[in-house]
């Protein structure tokens, strides 16, 4: 069983990606990928957006949001986790970054900030932004039949969309891409290379 110490060591061995070029971004963003040592090994914190949201309603996500002026990615991720699920920043140890990603639909970079807390804690989501908060053992994402791909037509061509079907939720989209990178670092799973980190986008006028 992979415990959190193993996961953290693997993540610390990875070089931290530099800040991406955000000169064409509307506003860059960060998400906090929190790991903890649970009864079934390393667990990851997930949230779900409410169905009343204008965009990405009902989707499974990591806590996160856009950077405020002058913030680093790490500061923004910790602040958003506090605002969304009341995770105290002083209890969190930032251990690294995954590669920045961006949606197929815009130029906004999103930096996954990796963090660790000693054990899973019960958290309550801010009702306006989160309607579910829970921990999932990373090994659940490696079970046979959990992972699948679909190829979707987008404005920028056909792209593979990654899905993880859990018992009661489906993780997909950008969260699925980030999760795939995390699993590759922790478990070195072959054959699950996600779509390109940097998707070429047309220059804006």
N, C-alpha and C. Protein backbone atom coordinates (compact mmCIF):
# COMPACT_ATOMS: atom_id res chain seq x y z
N UNK A 1 0.85 -1.20 0.00
CA UNK A 1 0.00 0.00 0.00
C UNK A 1 0.88 1.25 0.00
N UNK A 2 0.57 2.19 -0.85
CA UNK A 2 1.30 3.45 -0.88
C UNK A 2 0.76 4.35 0.22
N UNK A 3 1.64 4.76 1.13
CA UNK A 3 1.19 5.68 2.16
C UNK A 3 1.55 7.10 1.75
N UNK A 4 1.13 8.06 2.57
CA UNK A 4 1.34 9.46 2.20
C UNK A 4 2.82 9.82 2.19
N UNK A 5 3.61 9.23 3.09
CA UNK A 5 5.04 9.51 3.10
C UNK A 5 5.66 9.15 1.76
N UNK A 6 5.27 8.01 1.21
CA UNK A 6 5.77 7.61 -0.11
C UNK A 6 5.35 8.62 -1.17
N UNK A 7 4.08 9.01 -1.13
CA UNK A 7 3.57 9.96 -2.12
C UNK A 7 4.30 11.29 -2.03
N UNK A 8 4.50 11.78 -0.81
CA UNK A 8 5.18 13.07 -0.63
C UNK A 8 6.62 12.98 -1.11
N UNK A 9 7.30 11.88 -0.81
CA UNK A 9 8.68 11.72 -1.29
C UNK A 9 8.73 11.75 -2.81
N UNK A 10 7.76 11.07 -3.45
CA UNK A 10 7.73 11.07 -4.91
C UNK A 10 7.50 12.47 -5.45
N UNK A 11 6.62 13.21 -4.81
CA UNK A 11 6.32 14.56 -5.29
C UNK A 11 7.49 15.50 -5.06
N UNK A 12 8.17 15.36 -3.93
CA UNK A 12 9.31 16.22 -3.66
C UNK A 12 10.46 15.95 -4.63
N UNK A 13 10.52 14.74 -5.18
CA UNK A 13 11.57 14.41 -6.13
C UNK A 13 11.33 15.06 -7.49
N UNK A 14 10.10 15.50 -7.75
CA UNK A 14 9.78 16.15 -9.01
C UNK A 14 10.20 17.62 -8.97
N UNK A 15 10.84 18.14 -10.01
CA UNK A 15 11.16 19.57 -10.04
C UNK A 15 9.89 20.41 -10.10
N UNK A 16 9.90 21.51 -9.40
CA UNK A 16 8.73 22.39 -9.42
C UNK A 16 8.67 23.10 -10.76
N UNK A 17 7.55 23.04 -11.45
CA UNK A 17 7.43 23.81 -12.70
C UNK A 17 7.51 25.31 -12.43
N UNK A 18 8.12 26.02 -13.37
CA UNK A 18 8.16 27.47 -13.26
C UNK A 18 6.77 28.06 -13.47
N UNK A 19 6.62 29.32 -13.06
CA UNK A 19 5.37 30.01 -13.36
C UNK A 19 5.20 30.10 -14.88
N UNK A 20 4.02 29.78 -15.39
CA UNK A 20 3.80 29.88 -16.84
C UNK A 20 3.71 31.33 -17.28
N UNK A 21 3.88 31.54 -18.57
CA UNK A 21 3.71 32.88 -19.15
C UNK A 21 2.22 33.23 -19.13
N UNK A 22 1.86 34.21 -18.32
CA UNK A 22 0.45 34.58 -18.19
C UNK A 22 0.16 35.92 -18.85
N UNK A 23 1.02 36.35 -19.78
CA UNK A 23 0.83 37.67 -20.38
C UNK A 23 -0.46 37.77 -21.17
N UNK A 24 -1.00 36.62 -21.62
CA UNK A 24 -2.25 36.64 -22.38
C UNK A 24 -3.42 36.09 -21.57
N UNK A 25 -3.20 35.82 -20.29
CA UNK A 25 -4.27 35.27 -19.45
C UNK A 25 -5.26 36.35 -19.05
N UNK A 26 -6.55 35.99 -18.96
CA UNK A 26 -7.50 36.88 -18.31
C UNK A 26 -7.14 36.98 -16.84
N UNK A 27 -7.06 35.84 -16.18
CA UNK A 27 -6.57 35.76 -14.80
C UNK A 27 -6.12 34.34 -14.55
N UNK A 28 -4.86 34.14 -14.16
CA UNK A 28 -4.40 32.79 -13.83
C UNK A 28 -5.06 32.30 -12.54
N UNK A 29 -5.03 31.00 -12.34
CA UNK A 29 -5.69 30.40 -11.18
C UNK A 29 -4.82 29.29 -10.60
N UNK A 30 -5.19 28.84 -9.41
CA UNK A 30 -4.50 27.74 -8.75
C UNK A 30 -5.51 26.84 -8.06
N UNK A 31 -5.18 25.56 -7.97
CA UNK A 31 -5.99 24.63 -7.18
C UNK A 31 -5.07 23.96 -6.17
N UNK A 32 -5.65 23.55 -5.03
CA UNK A 32 -4.88 22.89 -3.98
C UNK A 32 -5.20 21.40 -4.01
N UNK A 33 -4.19 20.60 -4.29
CA UNK A 33 -4.31 19.14 -4.31
C UNK A 33 -3.77 18.64 -2.98
N UNK A 34 -4.66 18.31 -2.06
CA UNK A 34 -4.28 17.98 -0.68
C UNK A 34 -4.24 16.47 -0.50
N UNK A 35 -3.12 15.97 0.00
CA UNK A 35 -2.96 14.56 0.32
C UNK A 35 -2.92 14.38 1.83
N UNK A 36 -3.45 13.25 2.29
CA UNK A 36 -3.43 12.92 3.71
C UNK A 36 -3.31 11.41 3.86
N UNK A 37 -2.81 10.97 5.02
CA UNK A 37 -2.61 9.54 5.28
C UNK A 37 -3.85 8.97 5.95
N UNK A 38 -4.69 8.28 5.17
CA UNK A 38 -5.92 7.71 5.69
C UNK A 38 -5.80 6.23 5.98
N UNK A 39 -6.87 5.61 6.43
CA UNK A 39 -6.83 4.18 6.78
C UNK A 39 -6.53 3.26 5.60
N UNK A 40 -6.78 3.73 4.37
CA UNK A 40 -6.50 2.93 3.18
C UNK A 40 -5.35 3.51 2.36
N UNK A 41 -4.45 4.19 3.04
CA UNK A 41 -3.32 4.78 2.34
C UNK A 41 -3.56 6.24 2.01
N UNK A 42 -2.84 6.74 1.03
CA UNK A 42 -2.93 8.15 0.66
C UNK A 42 -4.32 8.48 0.14
N UNK A 43 -4.89 9.56 0.70
CA UNK A 43 -6.19 10.04 0.24
C UNK A 43 -6.05 11.45 -0.30
N UNK A 44 -6.94 11.82 -1.22
CA UNK A 44 -6.92 13.14 -1.83
C UNK A 44 -8.26 13.83 -1.57
N UNK A 45 -8.19 15.13 -1.35
CA UNK A 45 -9.38 15.93 -1.05
C UNK A 45 -10.07 16.36 -2.34
N UNK A 46 -11.38 16.11 -2.42
CA UNK A 46 -12.17 16.52 -3.57
C UNK A 46 -13.38 17.32 -3.12
N UNK A 47 -13.86 18.18 -4.01
CA UNK A 47 -15.09 18.93 -3.75
C UNK A 47 -15.99 18.82 -4.98
N UNK A 48 -17.24 19.18 -4.79
CA UNK A 48 -18.18 19.20 -5.92
C UNK A 48 -18.88 20.55 -5.97
N UNK A 49 -18.96 21.11 -7.17
CA UNK A 49 -19.61 22.40 -7.35
C UNK A 49 -21.12 22.23 -7.32
N UNK A 50 -21.83 23.20 -6.73
CA UNK A 50 -23.30 23.11 -6.66
C UNK A 50 -23.93 23.16 -8.05
N UNK A 51 -25.15 22.66 -8.13
CA UNK A 51 -25.85 22.64 -9.41
C UNK A 51 -26.40 24.00 -9.81
N UNK A 52 -26.38 24.97 -8.90
CA UNK A 52 -26.88 26.29 -9.25
C UNK A 52 -25.80 27.18 -9.86
N UNK A 53 -24.55 26.70 -9.93
CA UNK A 53 -23.47 27.51 -10.49
C UNK A 53 -23.71 27.74 -11.97
N UNK A 54 -23.21 28.87 -12.48
CA UNK A 54 -23.39 29.19 -13.90
C UNK A 54 -22.55 28.28 -14.79
N UNK A 55 -21.36 27.92 -14.33
CA UNK A 55 -20.47 27.09 -15.13
C UNK A 55 -19.99 25.90 -14.31
N UNK A 56 -19.68 24.82 -14.99
CA UNK A 56 -19.13 23.61 -14.36
C UNK A 56 -19.99 23.10 -13.21
N UNK A 57 -21.30 23.27 -13.35
CA UNK A 57 -22.21 22.86 -12.28
C UNK A 57 -22.16 21.35 -12.07
N UNK A 58 -22.10 20.96 -10.79
CA UNK A 58 -22.09 19.55 -10.43
C UNK A 58 -20.79 18.82 -10.69
N UNK A 59 -19.75 19.54 -11.11
CA UNK A 59 -18.48 18.88 -11.43
C UNK A 59 -17.62 18.69 -10.18
N UNK A 60 -16.85 17.61 -10.18
CA UNK A 60 -15.91 17.34 -9.10
C UNK A 60 -14.63 18.12 -9.38
N UNK A 61 -14.13 18.80 -8.35
CA UNK A 61 -12.99 19.69 -8.51
C UNK A 61 -12.07 19.58 -7.31
N UNK A 62 -10.92 20.24 -7.41
CA UNK A 62 -10.08 20.53 -6.26
C UNK A 62 -10.41 21.94 -5.79
N UNK A 63 -10.23 22.24 -4.49
CA UNK A 63 -10.43 23.62 -4.06
C UNK A 63 -9.49 24.55 -4.83
N UNK A 64 -10.00 25.71 -5.22
CA UNK A 64 -9.13 26.63 -5.94
C UNK A 64 -9.89 27.75 -6.60
N UNK A 65 -9.14 28.65 -7.22
CA UNK A 65 -9.74 29.79 -7.88
C UNK A 65 -8.67 30.72 -8.42
N UNK A 66 -9.10 31.88 -8.87
CA UNK A 66 -8.20 32.83 -9.51
C UNK A 66 -7.30 33.53 -8.50
N UNK A 67 -6.13 33.95 -8.99
CA UNK A 67 -5.20 34.69 -8.15
C UNK A 67 -5.69 36.11 -7.94
N UNK A 68 -5.55 36.60 -6.73
CA UNK A 68 -5.73 38.01 -6.46
C UNK A 68 -4.44 38.74 -6.84
N UNK A 69 -4.51 40.06 -7.11
CA UNK A 69 -3.30 40.80 -7.49
C UNK A 69 -2.19 40.62 -6.45
N UNK A 70 -0.99 40.30 -6.92
CA UNK A 70 0.16 40.16 -6.04
C UNK A 70 0.32 38.80 -5.39
N UNK A 71 -0.64 37.91 -5.57
CA UNK A 71 -0.56 36.58 -4.95
C UNK A 71 0.32 35.64 -5.77
N UNK A 72 0.97 34.71 -5.06
CA UNK A 72 1.60 33.58 -5.72
C UNK A 72 0.55 32.48 -5.92
N UNK A 73 0.90 31.49 -6.71
CA UNK A 73 -0.02 30.36 -6.89
C UNK A 73 -0.27 29.65 -5.57
N UNK A 74 0.79 29.50 -4.77
CA UNK A 74 0.63 28.81 -3.49
C UNK A 74 -0.29 29.60 -2.55
N UNK A 75 -0.10 30.90 -2.49
CA UNK A 75 -0.95 31.73 -1.63
C UNK A 75 -2.41 31.67 -2.06
N UNK A 76 -2.64 31.71 -3.35
CA UNK A 76 -4.02 31.67 -3.85
C UNK A 76 -4.67 30.32 -3.55
N UNK A 77 -3.94 29.23 -3.75
CA UNK A 77 -4.50 27.90 -3.50
C UNK A 77 -4.87 27.73 -2.04
N UNK A 78 -4.00 28.18 -1.14
CA UNK A 78 -4.29 28.06 0.29
C UNK A 78 -5.47 28.95 0.69
N UNK A 79 -5.51 30.16 0.15
CA UNK A 79 -6.63 31.05 0.47
C UNK A 79 -7.95 30.47 -0.02
N UNK A 80 -7.97 29.97 -1.23
CA UNK A 80 -9.21 29.42 -1.78
C UNK A 80 -9.67 28.20 -0.99
N UNK A 81 -8.73 27.36 -0.55
CA UNK A 81 -9.11 26.19 0.25
C UNK A 81 -9.72 26.61 1.58
N UNK A 82 -9.21 27.68 2.15
CA UNK A 82 -9.80 28.21 3.38
C UNK A 82 -11.20 28.76 3.12
N UNK A 83 -11.35 29.52 2.04
CA UNK A 83 -12.65 30.12 1.74
C UNK A 83 -13.70 29.07 1.34
N UNK A 84 -13.29 28.04 0.63
CA UNK A 84 -14.25 27.07 0.10
C UNK A 84 -14.59 25.95 1.08
N UNK A 85 -13.59 25.45 1.82
CA UNK A 85 -13.85 24.29 2.70
C UNK A 85 -13.33 24.49 4.11
N UNK A 86 -12.88 25.72 4.44
CA UNK A 86 -12.40 26.05 5.78
C UNK A 86 -11.21 25.20 6.21
N UNK A 87 -10.31 24.91 5.27
CA UNK A 87 -9.07 24.21 5.61
C UNK A 87 -8.06 25.25 6.08
N UNK A 88 -7.65 25.22 7.37
CA UNK A 88 -6.75 26.25 7.89
C UNK A 88 -5.39 26.20 7.20
N UNK A 89 -4.93 27.31 6.64
CA UNK A 89 -3.64 27.29 5.93
C UNK A 89 -2.47 26.87 6.81
N UNK A 90 -2.55 27.19 8.09
CA UNK A 90 -1.43 26.87 8.98
C UNK A 90 -1.28 25.37 9.23
N UNK A 91 -2.29 24.58 8.87
CA UNK A 91 -2.21 23.12 9.04
C UNK A 91 -1.68 22.41 7.80
N UNK A 92 -1.43 23.17 6.75
CA UNK A 92 -1.10 22.59 5.44
C UNK A 92 0.38 22.81 5.13
N UNK A 93 1.04 21.77 4.65
CA UNK A 93 2.42 21.88 4.17
C UNK A 93 2.42 21.76 2.65
N UNK A 94 2.86 22.80 1.99
CA UNK A 94 2.98 22.76 0.52
C UNK A 94 4.23 21.97 0.16
N UNK A 95 4.08 20.97 -0.71
CA UNK A 95 5.20 20.08 -1.03
C UNK A 95 5.66 20.18 -2.48
N UNK A 96 4.92 20.87 -3.32
CA UNK A 96 5.36 20.97 -4.71
C UNK A 96 4.26 21.44 -5.64
N UNK A 97 4.52 21.27 -6.92
CA UNK A 97 3.55 21.62 -7.96
C UNK A 97 3.49 20.50 -8.99
N UNK A 98 2.32 20.33 -9.57
CA UNK A 98 2.24 19.57 -10.81
C UNK A 98 2.36 20.56 -11.97
N UNK A 99 2.45 20.04 -13.18
CA UNK A 99 2.58 20.93 -14.32
C UNK A 99 1.31 21.75 -14.49
N UNK A 100 1.44 23.03 -14.81
CA UNK A 100 0.25 23.86 -15.04
C UNK A 100 -0.54 23.35 -16.24
N UNK A 101 -1.84 23.53 -16.17
CA UNK A 101 -2.73 23.10 -17.25
C UNK A 101 -3.66 24.26 -17.59
N UNK A 102 -4.35 24.13 -18.70
CA UNK A 102 -5.39 25.11 -19.00
C UNK A 102 -6.50 24.43 -19.80
N UNK A 103 -7.70 24.95 -19.67
CA UNK A 103 -8.83 24.36 -20.40
C UNK A 103 -8.61 24.50 -21.90
N UNK A 104 -9.36 23.67 -22.65
CA UNK A 104 -9.28 23.77 -24.11
C UNK A 104 -9.95 25.05 -24.61
N UNK A 105 -10.68 25.75 -23.76
CA UNK A 105 -11.54 26.84 -24.23
C UNK A 105 -11.00 28.23 -23.97
N UNK A 106 -9.87 28.37 -23.24
CA UNK A 106 -9.35 29.71 -22.99
C UNK A 106 -7.86 29.66 -22.72
N UNK A 107 -7.27 30.83 -22.50
CA UNK A 107 -5.83 30.94 -22.29
C UNK A 107 -5.44 31.00 -20.82
N UNK A 108 -6.33 30.71 -19.92
CA UNK A 108 -6.05 30.87 -18.49
C UNK A 108 -5.32 29.66 -17.92
N UNK A 109 -4.12 29.88 -17.42
CA UNK A 109 -3.35 28.82 -16.80
C UNK A 109 -3.90 28.50 -15.42
N UNK A 110 -3.85 27.22 -15.06
CA UNK A 110 -4.22 26.76 -13.72
C UNK A 110 -3.06 25.96 -13.17
N UNK A 111 -2.55 26.37 -12.00
CA UNK A 111 -1.41 25.70 -11.38
C UNK A 111 -1.90 24.77 -10.28
N UNK A 112 -1.66 23.47 -10.38
CA UNK A 112 -1.98 22.56 -9.28
C UNK A 112 -0.88 22.61 -8.22
N UNK A 113 -1.25 23.07 -7.03
CA UNK A 113 -0.32 23.17 -5.90
C UNK A 113 -0.53 21.94 -5.02
N UNK A 114 0.53 21.20 -4.78
CA UNK A 114 0.45 19.96 -4.01
C UNK A 114 0.72 20.23 -2.54
N UNK A 115 -0.09 19.64 -1.68
CA UNK A 115 0.02 19.91 -0.26
C UNK A 115 -0.25 18.64 0.54
N UNK A 116 0.13 18.69 1.81
CA UNK A 116 -0.01 17.53 2.69
C UNK A 116 -0.52 17.97 4.05
N UNK A 117 -1.43 17.19 4.62
CA UNK A 117 -1.81 17.32 6.02
C UNK A 117 -1.68 15.93 6.63
N UNK A 118 -1.51 15.84 7.96
CA UNK A 118 -1.21 14.53 8.57
C UNK A 118 -2.30 13.48 8.38
N UNK A 119 -3.56 13.88 8.43
CA UNK A 119 -4.66 12.91 8.34
C UNK A 119 -5.88 13.60 7.75
N UNK A 120 -6.78 12.83 7.13
CA UNK A 120 -8.02 13.44 6.62
C UNK A 120 -8.82 14.07 7.75
N UNK A 121 -9.34 15.25 7.52
CA UNK A 121 -10.16 15.93 8.51
C UNK A 121 -11.53 16.22 7.91
N UNK A 122 -12.53 16.29 8.76
CA UNK A 122 -13.87 16.59 8.29
C UNK A 122 -13.96 18.08 7.97
N UNK A 123 -14.38 18.40 6.77
CA UNK A 123 -14.47 19.78 6.31
C UNK A 123 -15.87 20.07 5.82
N UNK A 124 -16.25 21.33 5.88
CA UNK A 124 -17.58 21.75 5.45
C UNK A 124 -17.42 22.78 4.35
N UNK A 125 -18.10 22.56 3.23
CA UNK A 125 -17.99 23.47 2.11
C UNK A 125 -18.81 24.72 2.27
N UNK A 126 -18.32 25.82 1.71
CA UNK A 126 -19.08 27.06 1.64
C UNK A 126 -20.25 26.83 0.69
N UNK A 127 -21.46 27.02 1.18
CA UNK A 127 -22.65 26.60 0.43
C UNK A 127 -22.75 27.24 -0.94
N UNK A 128 -22.24 28.45 -1.10
CA UNK A 128 -22.34 29.13 -2.39
C UNK A 128 -21.41 28.54 -3.45
N UNK A 129 -20.36 27.82 -3.00
CA UNK A 129 -19.34 27.34 -3.93
C UNK A 129 -19.16 25.83 -3.95
N UNK A 130 -19.55 25.16 -2.86
CA UNK A 130 -19.27 23.72 -2.71
C UNK A 130 -20.48 23.05 -2.08
N UNK A 131 -20.93 21.93 -2.65
CA UNK A 131 -22.04 21.21 -2.01
C UNK A 131 -21.65 19.82 -1.52
N UNK A 132 -20.37 19.44 -1.73
CA UNK A 132 -19.87 18.20 -1.15
C UNK A 132 -18.37 18.30 -0.98
N UNK A 133 -17.86 17.78 0.16
CA UNK A 133 -16.43 17.72 0.43
C UNK A 133 -16.14 16.31 0.94
N UNK A 134 -15.16 15.64 0.34
CA UNK A 134 -14.85 14.30 0.81
C UNK A 134 -13.44 13.89 0.39
N UNK A 135 -12.97 12.81 1.03
CA UNK A 135 -11.65 12.26 0.77
C UNK A 135 -11.78 10.94 0.02
N UNK A 136 -10.91 10.73 -0.95
CA UNK A 136 -10.93 9.50 -1.74
C UNK A 136 -9.53 8.88 -1.71
N UNK A 137 -9.41 7.61 -1.35
CA UNK A 137 -8.11 6.94 -1.45
C UNK A 137 -7.61 6.95 -2.89
N UNK A 138 -6.35 7.30 -3.08
CA UNK A 138 -5.80 7.33 -4.43
C UNK A 138 -5.90 5.97 -5.11
N UNK A 139 -5.80 4.90 -4.33
CA UNK A 139 -5.86 3.58 -4.95
C UNK A 139 -7.21 3.31 -5.62
N UNK A 140 -8.27 4.02 -5.21
CA UNK A 140 -9.57 3.83 -5.85
C UNK A 140 -9.53 4.22 -7.32
N UNK A 141 -8.66 5.18 -7.66
CA UNK A 141 -8.57 5.63 -9.05
C UNK A 141 -7.77 4.66 -9.93
N UNK A 142 -7.12 3.68 -9.30
CA UNK A 142 -6.32 2.71 -10.06
C UNK A 142 -7.05 1.39 -10.25
N UNK A 143 -8.26 1.27 -9.74
CA UNK A 143 -9.00 0.01 -9.84
C UNK A 143 -9.42 -0.26 -11.29
N UNK A 144 -9.44 -1.52 -11.70
CA UNK A 144 -9.88 -1.86 -13.07
C UNK A 144 -11.28 -1.32 -13.35
N UNK A 145 -11.45 -0.77 -14.54
CA UNK A 145 -12.75 -0.25 -14.94
C UNK A 145 -13.04 1.16 -14.49
N UNK A 146 -12.12 1.76 -13.73
CA UNK A 146 -12.35 3.12 -13.23
C UNK A 146 -11.99 4.16 -14.28
N UNK A 147 -10.90 3.94 -15.00
CA UNK A 147 -10.37 4.94 -15.94
C UNK A 147 -10.89 4.67 -17.35
N UNK A 148 -11.27 5.74 -18.04
CA UNK A 148 -11.66 5.63 -19.45
C UNK A 148 -11.39 6.96 -20.15
N UNK A 149 -11.36 6.92 -21.46
CA UNK A 149 -11.16 8.12 -22.28
C UNK A 149 -12.28 8.24 -23.30
N UNK A 150 -12.64 9.47 -23.59
CA UNK A 150 -13.51 9.78 -24.72
C UNK A 150 -12.83 10.86 -25.55
N UNK A 151 -13.04 10.85 -26.83
CA UNK A 151 -12.46 11.87 -27.71
C UNK A 151 -13.56 12.81 -28.17
N UNK A 152 -13.43 14.06 -27.77
CA UNK A 152 -14.46 15.06 -28.04
C UNK A 152 -13.97 16.06 -29.08
N UNK A 153 -14.89 16.51 -29.91
CA UNK A 153 -14.61 17.60 -30.84
C UNK A 153 -14.75 18.93 -30.10
N UNK A 154 -13.70 19.76 -30.18
CA UNK A 154 -13.73 21.08 -29.58
C UNK A 154 -13.44 22.12 -30.65
N UNK A 155 -13.49 23.38 -30.25
CA UNK A 155 -13.18 24.46 -31.20
C UNK A 155 -11.74 24.39 -31.69
N UNK A 156 -10.89 23.64 -30.98
CA UNK A 156 -9.48 23.56 -31.34
C UNK A 156 -9.09 22.15 -31.77
N UNK A 157 -10.07 21.38 -32.21
CA UNK A 157 -9.79 20.04 -32.70
C UNK A 157 -10.31 18.97 -31.75
N UNK A 158 -10.00 17.73 -32.07
CA UNK A 158 -10.45 16.59 -31.26
C UNK A 158 -9.45 16.35 -30.14
N UNK A 159 -9.95 16.20 -28.91
CA UNK A 159 -9.08 15.99 -27.76
C UNK A 159 -9.58 14.84 -26.91
N UNK A 160 -8.65 14.08 -26.30
CA UNK A 160 -9.07 13.04 -25.36
C UNK A 160 -9.51 13.66 -24.04
N UNK A 161 -10.65 13.24 -23.55
CA UNK A 161 -11.16 13.67 -22.25
C UNK A 161 -11.06 12.47 -21.31
N UNK A 162 -10.46 12.68 -20.14
CA UNK A 162 -10.17 11.60 -19.20
C UNK A 162 -11.25 11.52 -18.14
N UNK A 163 -11.69 10.31 -17.84
CA UNK A 163 -12.75 10.08 -16.86
C UNK A 163 -12.29 9.05 -15.83
N UNK A 164 -12.70 9.28 -14.57
CA UNK A 164 -12.54 8.30 -13.50
C UNK A 164 -13.91 8.07 -12.89
N UNK A 165 -14.47 6.89 -13.09
CA UNK A 165 -15.80 6.57 -12.60
C UNK A 165 -15.70 5.91 -11.23
N UNK A 166 -16.06 6.66 -10.19
CA UNK A 166 -16.10 6.12 -8.84
C UNK A 166 -17.50 5.55 -8.58
N UNK A 167 -17.71 5.03 -7.38
CA UNK A 167 -19.00 4.43 -7.07
C UNK A 167 -20.14 5.43 -7.19
N UNK A 168 -19.90 6.68 -6.74
CA UNK A 168 -20.99 7.65 -6.68
C UNK A 168 -20.69 8.97 -7.36
N UNK A 169 -19.54 9.10 -7.99
CA UNK A 169 -19.17 10.34 -8.68
C UNK A 169 -18.31 9.99 -9.89
N UNK A 170 -18.26 10.91 -10.84
CA UNK A 170 -17.33 10.79 -11.96
C UNK A 170 -16.42 12.01 -11.96
N UNK A 171 -15.12 11.77 -11.94
CA UNK A 171 -14.12 12.84 -12.02
C UNK A 171 -13.66 12.91 -13.47
N UNK A 172 -13.70 14.11 -14.05
CA UNK A 172 -13.34 14.22 -15.46
C UNK A 172 -12.87 15.64 -15.75
N UNK A 173 -12.61 15.89 -17.04
CA UNK A 173 -12.23 17.24 -17.46
C UNK A 173 -10.87 17.62 -16.93
N UNK A 174 -10.72 18.90 -16.59
CA UNK A 174 -9.44 19.39 -16.12
C UNK A 174 -9.02 18.71 -14.83
N UNK A 175 -9.97 18.43 -13.94
CA UNK A 175 -9.65 17.72 -12.70
C UNK A 175 -9.12 16.33 -13.02
N UNK A 176 -9.70 15.67 -14.02
CA UNK A 176 -9.21 14.37 -14.44
C UNK A 176 -7.79 14.43 -14.98
N UNK A 177 -7.47 15.49 -15.69
CA UNK A 177 -6.11 15.65 -16.22
C UNK A 177 -5.11 15.82 -15.08
N UNK A 178 -5.46 16.68 -14.11
CA UNK A 178 -4.56 16.90 -12.97
C UNK A 178 -4.39 15.61 -12.18
N UNK A 179 -5.49 14.91 -11.94
CA UNK A 179 -5.44 13.66 -11.20
C UNK A 179 -4.55 12.64 -11.91
N UNK A 180 -4.59 12.62 -13.24
CA UNK A 180 -3.77 11.68 -13.99
C UNK A 180 -2.29 11.95 -13.79
N UNK A 181 -1.90 13.23 -13.80
CA UNK A 181 -0.51 13.57 -13.52
C UNK A 181 -0.12 13.14 -12.12
N UNK A 182 -1.01 13.36 -11.15
CA UNK A 182 -0.73 12.98 -9.77
C UNK A 182 -0.51 11.47 -9.67
N UNK A 183 -1.38 10.69 -10.29
CA UNK A 183 -1.24 9.23 -10.24
C UNK A 183 0.04 8.77 -10.93
N UNK A 184 0.43 9.45 -12.01
CA UNK A 184 1.67 9.06 -12.68
C UNK A 184 2.88 9.30 -11.79
N UNK A 185 2.86 10.40 -11.03
CA UNK A 185 3.98 10.69 -10.13
C UNK A 185 4.02 9.69 -8.99
N UNK A 186 2.86 9.43 -8.38
CA UNK A 186 2.82 8.60 -7.17
C UNK A 186 2.97 7.12 -7.50
N UNK A 187 2.26 6.66 -8.53
CA UNK A 187 2.22 5.23 -8.84
C UNK A 187 3.00 4.83 -10.08
N UNK A 188 3.46 5.80 -10.86
CA UNK A 188 4.17 5.51 -12.10
C UNK A 188 3.35 4.58 -12.99
N UNK A 189 2.08 4.94 -13.19
CA UNK A 189 1.17 4.12 -13.97
C UNK A 189 1.47 4.31 -15.46
N UNK A 190 1.77 3.24 -16.19
CA UNK A 190 2.03 3.39 -17.62
C UNK A 190 0.74 3.50 -18.41
N UNK A 191 0.84 4.14 -19.57
CA UNK A 191 -0.28 4.15 -20.50
C UNK A 191 -1.41 5.09 -20.16
N UNK A 192 -1.16 6.02 -19.24
CA UNK A 192 -2.20 6.98 -18.90
C UNK A 192 -1.71 8.41 -19.10
N UNK A 193 -0.93 8.61 -20.13
CA UNK A 193 -0.41 9.95 -20.36
C UNK A 193 -1.54 10.88 -20.75
N UNK A 194 -1.76 11.95 -20.00
CA UNK A 194 -2.87 12.84 -20.32
C UNK A 194 -2.56 13.70 -21.53
N UNK A 195 -3.54 14.47 -21.98
CA UNK A 195 -3.32 15.35 -23.13
C UNK A 195 -2.19 16.34 -22.86
N UNK A 196 -1.72 17.03 -23.89
CA UNK A 196 -0.60 17.95 -23.72
C UNK A 196 -0.84 18.96 -22.61
N UNK A 197 0.23 19.25 -21.86
CA UNK A 197 0.13 20.23 -20.79
C UNK A 197 -0.16 21.61 -21.39
N UNK A 198 0.55 21.93 -22.43
CA UNK A 198 0.39 23.23 -23.07
C UNK A 198 -0.34 23.03 -24.39
N UNK A 199 -1.57 23.44 -24.42
CA UNK A 199 -2.36 23.32 -25.65
C UNK A 199 -2.21 24.60 -26.46
N UNK A 200 -1.69 24.54 -27.69
CA UNK A 200 -1.54 25.76 -28.49
C UNK A 200 -2.89 26.46 -28.66
N UNK A 201 -2.88 27.75 -28.43
CA UNK A 201 -4.10 28.53 -28.57
C UNK A 201 -3.88 29.63 -29.58
N UNK A 202 -4.89 30.06 -30.32
CA UNK A 202 -4.72 31.14 -31.28
C UNK A 202 -4.41 32.45 -30.57
N UNK A 203 -3.54 33.26 -31.20
CA UNK A 203 -3.24 34.56 -30.62
C UNK A 203 -4.48 35.44 -30.63
N UNK A 204 -4.59 36.25 -29.59
CA UNK A 204 -5.72 37.17 -29.52
C UNK A 204 -5.39 38.43 -30.30
N UNK A 205 -6.45 39.03 -30.83
CA UNK A 205 -6.25 40.28 -31.57
C UNK A 205 -5.82 41.39 -30.61
